[in-house]
Amino acid sequence: MFVVLWEFEVKPGCEDRFERVYGRGGDWDSLFRRDAHHTGTHLFRDATHPRVYLTADYWHSQTAYHAFLQAQQTEYKRIDAECEGLTLRERRIGSYEEVASPLR
């Protein structure tokens, strides 16, 4: 399993639109679902800072994620440009691979 985490601070008044675009069934989720190696997207809102959100995009592997980015580069950039006006800042927290549990 491979996960990509992003943090966003949403502009005041843009919260509903942001949640529609970044949440389940939104523009990003719909794009990612085109790829069989995408295993889910989750949107979280900070419990103490209601305009701060976290997205977690899950993939079978890092290789699958990078292949998706290459194949969907144009559409990815289009959606990213359309969403730019919704946020004050965005930060890629990182990309993480699941650690296999040791056999006992």
C-alpha atoms as a PDB file:
ATOM      1  CA  MET A   1       0.000   0.000   0.000  1.00  0.00           C
ATOM      2  CA  PHE A   2       1.162   3.523  -0.829  1.00  0.00           C
ATOM      3  CA  VAL A   3      -0.421   6.768   0.394  1.00  0.00           C
ATOM      4  CA  VAL A   4       0.028  10.403  -0.644  1.00  0.00           C
ATOM      5  CA  LEU A   5      -0.899  13.052   1.948  1.00  0.00           C
ATOM      6  CA  TRP A   6      -1.706  16.714   1.261  1.00  0.00           C
ATOM      7  CA  GLU A   7      -2.698  19.492   3.654  1.00  0.00           C
ATOM      8  CA  PHE A   8      -4.811  22.459   2.526  1.00  0.00           C
ATOM      9  CA  GLU A   9      -5.899  25.704   4.133  1.00  0.00           C
ATOM     10  CA  VAL A  10      -9.128  26.668   2.422  1.00  0.00           C
ATOM     11  CA  LYS A  11     -10.147  30.265   1.742  1.00  0.00           C
ATOM     12  CA  PRO A  12     -13.035  31.517   3.912  1.00  0.00           C
ATOM     13  CA  GLY A  13     -16.328  30.817   2.170  1.00  0.00           C
ATOM     14  CA  CYS A  14     -14.875  28.108  -0.095  1.00  0.00           C
ATOM     15  CA  GLU A  15     -15.287  25.190   2.300  1.00  0.00           C
ATOM     16  CA  ASP A  16     -18.391  23.659   0.682  1.00  0.00           C
ATOM     17  CA  ARG A  17     -16.940  23.813  -2.829  1.00  0.00           C
ATOM     18  CA  PHE A  18     -13.611  22.431  -1.602  1.00  0.00           C
ATOM     19  CA  GLU A  19     -15.351  19.490   0.081  1.00  0.00           C
ATOM     20  CA  ARG A  20     -17.322  18.713  -3.094  1.00  0.00           C
ATOM     21  CA  VAL A  21     -14.205  18.804  -5.292  1.00  0.00           C
ATOM     22  CA  TYR A  22     -11.859  16.940  -2.937  1.00  0.00           C
ATOM     23  CA  GLY A  23     -14.324  14.608  -1.212  1.00  0.00           C
ATOM     24  CA  ARG A  24     -15.743  11.237  -2.190  1.00  0.00           C
ATOM     25  CA  GLY A  25     -17.161  11.385  -5.719  1.00  0.00           C
ATOM     26  CA  GLY A  26     -15.578  14.796  -6.363  1.00  0.00           C
ATOM     27  CA  ASP A  27     -13.315  15.797  -9.232  1.00  0.00           C
ATOM     28  CA  TRP A  28     -10.142  14.330  -7.746  1.00  0.00           C
ATOM     29  CA  ASP A  29     -11.718  11.103  -6.548  1.00  0.00           C
ATOM     30  CA  SER A  30     -13.382  10.616  -9.940  1.00  0.00           C
ATOM     31  CA  LEU A  31     -10.081  11.096 -11.754  1.00  0.00           C
ATOM     32  CA  PHE A  32      -8.214   8.724  -9.444  1.00  0.00           C
ATOM     33  CA  ARG A  33     -10.928   6.044  -9.727  1.00  0.00           C
ATOM     34  CA  ARG A  34     -10.199   5.724 -13.441  1.00  0.00           C
ATOM     35  CA  ASP A  35      -7.090   3.798 -12.438  1.00  0.00           C
ATOM     36  CA  ALA A  36      -7.501   0.221 -11.194  1.00  0.00           C
ATOM     37  CA  HIS A  37      -4.514   0.689  -8.864  1.00  0.00           C
ATOM     38  CA  HIS A  38      -6.196   3.482  -6.875  1.00  0.00           C
ATOM     39  CA  THR A  39      -7.678   2.030  -3.693  1.00  0.00           C
ATOM     40  CA  GLY A  40      -9.385   5.075  -2.192  1.00  0.00           C
ATOM     41  CA  THR A  41      -9.318   8.733  -1.268  1.00  0.00           C
ATOM     42  CA  HIS A  42     -10.244  10.155   2.113  1.00  0.00           C
ATOM     43  CA  LEU A  43     -10.832  13.799   3.045  1.00  0.00           C
ATOM     44  CA  PHE A  44     -10.357  14.911   6.649  1.00  0.00           C
ATOM     45  CA  ARG A  45     -11.131  18.273   8.273  1.00  0.00           C
ATOM     46  CA  ASP A  46      -9.015  19.449  11.211  1.00  0.00           C
ATOM     47  CA  ALA A  47     -11.079  19.239  14.396  1.00  0.00           C
ATOM     48  CA  THR A  48      -9.701  22.521  15.798  1.00  0.00           C
ATOM     49  CA  HIS A  49      -9.035  24.481  12.575  1.00  0.00           C
ATOM     50  CA  PRO A  50     -12.140  23.967  10.410  1.00  0.00           C
ATOM     51  CA  ARG A  51     -10.618  25.431   7.234  1.00  0.00           C
ATOM     52  CA  VAL A  52      -7.634  23.050   7.325  1.00  0.00           C
ATOM     53  CA  TYR A  53      -8.049  19.750   5.501  1.00  0.00           C
ATOM     54  CA  LEU A  54      -6.000  16.649   4.827  1.00  0.00           C
ATOM     55  CA  THR A  55      -6.354  14.344   1.827  1.00  0.00           C
ATOM     56  CA  ALA A  56      -5.088  10.774   1.794  1.00  0.00           C
ATOM     57  CA  ASP A  57      -4.908   9.077  -1.604  1.00  0.00           C
ATOM     58  CA  TYR A  58      -4.229   5.335  -1.497  1.00  0.00           C
ATOM     59  CA  TRP A  59      -2.590   3.303  -4.260  1.00  0.00           C
ATOM     60  CA  HIS A  60      -1.401  -0.276  -4.629  1.00  0.00           C
ATOM     61  CA  SER A  61       2.196   0.925  -5.017  1.00  0.00           C
ATOM     62  CA  GLN A  62       4.397   3.923  -5.625  1.00  0.00           C
ATOM     63  CA  THR A  63       5.038   2.621  -9.156  1.00  0.00           C
ATOM     64  CA  ALA A  64       1.296   2.545  -9.855  1.00  0.00           C
ATOM     65  CA  TYR A  65       0.895   6.102  -8.555  1.00  0.00           C
ATOM     66  CA  HIS A  66       3.680   7.449 -10.752  1.00  0.00           C
ATOM     67  CA  ALA A  67       2.309   5.603 -13.790  1.00  0.00           C
ATOM     68  CA  PHE A  68      -1.082   7.209 -13.120  1.00  0.00           C
ATOM     69  CA  LEU A  69       0.482  10.682 -12.893  1.00  0.00           C
ATOM     70  CA  GLN A  70       2.238  10.157 -16.213  1.00  0.00           C
ATOM     71  CA  ALA A  71      -0.876   8.811 -17.963  1.00  0.00           C
ATOM     72  CA  GLN A  72      -3.266  11.453 -16.567  1.00  0.00           C
ATOM     73  CA  GLN A  73      -0.882  14.422 -16.563  1.00  0.00           C
ATOM     74  CA  THR A  74      -3.096  16.711 -18.655  1.00  0.00           C
ATOM     75  CA  GLU A  75      -6.294  16.075 -16.695  1.00  0.00           C
ATOM     76  CA  TYR A  76      -4.433  16.285 -13.367  1.00  0.00           C
ATOM     77  CA  LYS A  77      -3.031  19.704 -14.277  1.00  0.00           C
ATOM     78  CA  ARG A  78      -6.444  20.918 -15.487  1.00  0.00           C
ATOM     79  CA  ILE A  79      -8.190  20.023 -12.213  1.00  0.00           C
ATOM     80  CA  ASP A  80      -5.294  21.410 -10.175  1.00  0.00           C
ATOM     81  CA  ALA A  81      -5.532  24.759 -12.009  1.00  0.00           C
ATOM     82  CA  GLU A  82      -9.313  24.909 -11.480  1.00  0.00           C
ATOM     83  CA  CYS A  83      -8.885  24.295  -7.734  1.00  0.00           C
ATOM     84  CA  GLU A  84      -6.122  26.834  -7.174  1.00  0.00           C
ATOM     85  CA  GLY A  85      -8.551  29.577  -6.192  1.00  0.00           C
ATOM     86  CA  LEU A  86     -10.065  27.529  -3.354  1.00  0.00           C
ATOM     87  CA  THR A  87      -7.041  27.542  -1.057  1.00  0.00           C
ATOM     88  CA  LEU A  88      -4.751  29.943   0.756  1.00  0.00           C
ATOM     89  CA  ARG A  89      -2.018  27.301   0.836  1.00  0.00           C
ATOM     90  CA  GLU A  90      -1.396  23.673   0.075  1.00  0.00           C
ATOM     91  CA  ARG A  91       1.431  21.471   1.211  1.00  0.00           C
ATOM     92  CA  ARG A  92       2.376  17.981   0.213  1.00  0.00           C
ATOM     93  CA  ILE A  93       3.062  16.291   3.520  1.00  0.00           C
ATOM     94  CA  GLY A  94       4.631  13.268   1.896  1.00  0.00           C
ATOM     95  CA  SER A  95       4.304   9.858   0.322  1.00  0.00           C
ATOM     96  CA  TYR A  96       4.447   6.738   2.435  1.00  0.00           C
ATOM     97  CA  GLU A  97       4.778   3.022   1.804  1.00  0.00           C
ATOM     98  CA  GLU A  98       3.193   0.535   4.153  1.00  0.00           C
ATOM     99  CA  VAL A  99       5.639  -1.384   6.292  1.00  0.00           C
ATOM    100  CA  ALA A 100       5.108  -5.125   6.073  1.00  0.00           C
ATOM    101  CA  SER A 101       4.568  -6.798   9.418  1.00  0.00           C
ATOM    102  CA  PRO A 102       7.292  -9.278  10.273  1.00  0.00           C
ATOM    103  CA  LEU A 103       6.186 -12.889  10.348  1.00  0.00           C
ATOM    104  CA  ARG A 104       6.246 -14.435  13.773  1.00  0.00           C
END
